[in-house]
Amino acid sequence: MMVMLMLKNKLLFAGTSLFKSSHWAAFCIIFKGGRLQEILALLPKAHVLSGDTAKEITDITIDSRTVEKGSLFVCIKGIHTDGHKYIDKAVAAGAAAVLVEEDTAPREGLTVIKVKSSEEAMTVIAPFFYDYPGKKLRMIGVTGTNGK
């Protein structure tokens, strides 16, 4: 099962869940950030379609409304909408780079990175970007039959 942990519409973690719905977990997110070149090194099959890779990425988001200057906007194809439709909004808000699954027209000052699957790419880059929060996870199981 794919899990994406969000806080205020910001992507904090993406990966495979080892937790059942009855488990509770708490952990501390440590912001690491990173240069786009470091992030690209984690995605050997990614293709840079346009732009400069010597940029500092300050945030990763899948919601164009939360893009800030220096963000990496990840375009996800969903059931109701396609993140590729919101690239222009992300650029206007200050996105430094976009991660796409489709060919996209180059835009001034924007780095466009194409991958086969944005969701799979997030499972690699989000933990790296936030300094692998899953390694710091403490899992607590609550057992019993009544009132959890």
Protein backbone atom coordinates (compact mmCIF):
# COMPACT_ATOMS: atom_id res chain seq x y z
CA MET A 1 0.00 0.00 0.00
CA MET A 2 1.33 3.45 -0.97
CA VAL A 3 1.25 6.02 1.82
CA MET A 4 1.74 9.78 1.51
CA LEU A 5 2.01 11.73 4.74
CA MET A 6 0.86 15.32 4.33
CA LEU A 7 0.89 18.31 6.69
CA LYS A 8 -0.90 21.45 5.53
CA ASN A 9 -0.93 19.98 1.99
CA LYS A 10 2.86 19.58 2.04
CA LEU A 11 4.34 16.22 1.23
CA LEU A 12 6.32 14.95 4.22
CA PHE A 13 6.74 11.28 3.41
CA ALA A 14 5.87 8.94 0.60
CA GLY A 15 6.51 5.25 0.70
CA THR A 16 5.20 1.81 1.41
CA SER A 17 3.26 1.47 4.62
CA LEU A 18 4.22 -1.22 7.08
CA PHE A 19 1.46 -0.16 9.45
CA LYS A 20 -2.03 -1.52 9.82
CA SER A 21 -4.86 0.91 10.40
CA SER A 22 -5.04 -0.10 14.08
CA HIS A 23 -1.48 1.04 14.77
CA TRP A 24 -0.54 4.50 15.93
CA ALA A 25 2.81 6.10 15.21
CA ALA A 26 4.39 9.42 16.08
CA PHE A 27 7.61 10.81 14.76
CA CYS A 28 9.56 14.00 14.33
CA ILE A 29 10.13 15.40 10.84
CA ILE A 30 13.60 16.87 10.37
CA PHE A 31 13.86 19.13 7.37
CA LYS A 32 16.93 18.37 5.31
CA GLY A 33 16.15 19.89 1.93
CA GLY A 34 18.63 19.55 -0.85
CA ARG A 35 20.04 20.59 -4.14
CA LEU A 36 18.15 19.46 -7.19
CA GLN A 37 21.26 17.62 -8.41
CA GLU A 38 21.25 15.48 -5.25
CA ILE A 39 17.59 14.67 -5.75
CA LEU A 40 18.17 13.78 -9.41
CA ALA A 41 20.99 11.42 -8.41
CA LEU A 42 18.31 9.33 -6.68
CA LEU A 43 16.35 9.06 -9.94
CA PRO A 44 18.75 7.56 -12.49
CA LYS A 45 16.01 7.12 -15.12
CA ALA A 46 14.79 10.72 -14.87
CA HIS A 47 15.31 13.02 -17.85
CA VAL A 48 15.84 16.75 -17.49
CA LEU A 49 13.75 18.23 -20.31
CA SER A 50 14.74 21.84 -19.64
CA GLY A 51 16.30 24.16 -17.10
CA ASP A 52 19.20 24.27 -14.68
CA THR A 53 19.77 21.52 -12.11
CA ALA A 54 22.06 23.60 -9.86
CA LYS A 55 19.15 24.86 -7.74
CA GLU A 56 18.31 24.60 -4.07
CA ILE A 57 14.94 22.97 -3.45
CA THR A 58 13.20 24.33 -0.36
CA ASP A 59 9.98 22.32 -0.44
CA ILE A 60 8.23 19.43 -2.17
CA THR A 61 4.51 19.69 -2.83
CA ILE A 62 1.79 18.08 -4.93
CA ASP A 63 -0.63 21.00 -4.46
CA SER A 64 -0.05 24.06 -6.65
CA ARG A 65 -1.78 26.24 -4.03
CA THR A 66 1.02 25.56 -1.53
CA VAL A 67 3.96 26.17 -3.88
CA GLU A 68 6.50 28.65 -2.57
CA LYS A 69 9.68 30.10 -4.05
CA GLY A 70 12.10 27.20 -4.54
CA SER A 71 9.51 24.40 -4.41
CA LEU A 72 9.61 21.18 -6.38
CA PHE A 73 6.08 20.72 -7.72
CA VAL A 74 5.25 17.06 -8.33
CA CYS A 75 2.53 16.50 -10.94
CA ILE A 76 0.31 13.58 -9.94
CA LYS A 77 -2.37 12.15 -12.19
CA GLY A 78 -5.38 11.63 -9.95
CA ILE A 79 -8.89 10.34 -10.33
CA HIS A 80 -10.49 13.79 -10.51
CA THR A 81 -7.70 15.98 -11.81
CA ASP A 82 -4.22 15.92 -13.28
CA GLY A 83 -1.40 17.87 -11.63
CA HIS A 84 0.01 18.67 -15.07
CA LYS A 85 -2.89 21.15 -15.51
CA TYR A 86 -1.50 23.25 -12.64
CA ILE A 87 2.09 23.72 -13.78
CA ASP A 88 1.48 27.35 -14.79
CA LYS A 89 0.02 28.12 -11.34
CA ALA A 90 3.03 26.48 -9.68
CA VAL A 91 5.43 28.51 -11.84
CA ALA A 92 3.58 31.73 -11.01
CA ALA A 93 3.90 30.90 -7.30
CA GLY A 94 7.67 30.42 -7.59
CA ALA A 95 8.30 26.73 -8.27
CA ALA A 96 11.96 26.08 -9.06
CA ALA A 97 11.27 22.73 -10.72
CA VAL A 98 8.47 20.39 -11.71
CA LEU A 99 8.45 16.61 -11.79
CA VAL A 100 6.24 15.39 -14.64
CA GLU A 101 5.16 12.20 -16.39
CA GLU A 102 4.30 13.91 -19.70
CA ASP A 103 6.35 16.05 -22.06
CA THR A 104 5.92 19.66 -21.03
CA ALA A 105 6.81 22.88 -22.82
CA PRO A 106 9.88 24.61 -21.38
CA ARG A 107 9.27 27.73 -19.29
CA GLU A 108 11.67 30.52 -18.40
CA GLY A 109 13.61 29.73 -15.21
CA LEU A 110 11.86 26.40 -14.62
CA THR A 111 13.56 23.03 -14.51
CA VAL A 112 11.36 20.27 -15.93
CA ILE A 113 12.16 16.68 -14.95
CA LYS A 114 10.37 13.77 -16.60
CA VAL A 115 9.93 10.40 -14.90
CA LYS A 116 7.88 7.33 -15.73
CA SER A 117 5.85 7.58 -12.51
CA SER A 118 5.68 10.63 -10.25
CA GLU A 119 4.32 8.56 -7.38
CA GLU A 120 7.21 6.10 -7.56
CA ALA A 121 9.69 8.97 -7.76
CA MET A 122 8.19 10.50 -4.61
CA THR A 123 8.80 7.30 -2.67
CA VAL A 124 12.50 7.89 -3.28
CA ILE A 125 12.89 11.67 -3.06
CA ALA A 126 10.54 12.57 -0.18
CA PRO A 127 12.30 10.42 2.45
CA PHE A 128 15.69 11.76 1.28
CA PHE A 129 14.45 15.35 1.32
CA TYR A 130 13.14 15.05 4.88
CA ASP A 131 16.19 13.10 6.13
CA TYR A 132 14.52 9.66 6.18
CA PRO A 133 11.90 10.19 8.92
CA GLY A 134 10.86 6.53 8.73
CA LYS A 135 14.20 5.54 10.25
CA LYS A 136 13.37 7.63 13.32
CA LEU A 137 9.88 6.17 13.68
CA ARG A 138 8.79 4.68 16.95
CA MET A 139 5.83 2.37 16.57
CA ILE A 140 3.41 1.75 19.40
CA GLY A 141 0.75 -0.93 19.10
CA VAL A 142 -2.54 -0.51 20.97
CA THR A 143 -4.33 -3.77 21.57
CA GLY A 144 -7.69 -4.67 22.99
CA THR A 145 -11.21 -5.08 21.75
CA ASN A 146 -13.09 -2.09 23.19
CA GLY A 147 -12.66 1.61 22.55
CA LYS A 148 -9.41 2.42 20.85
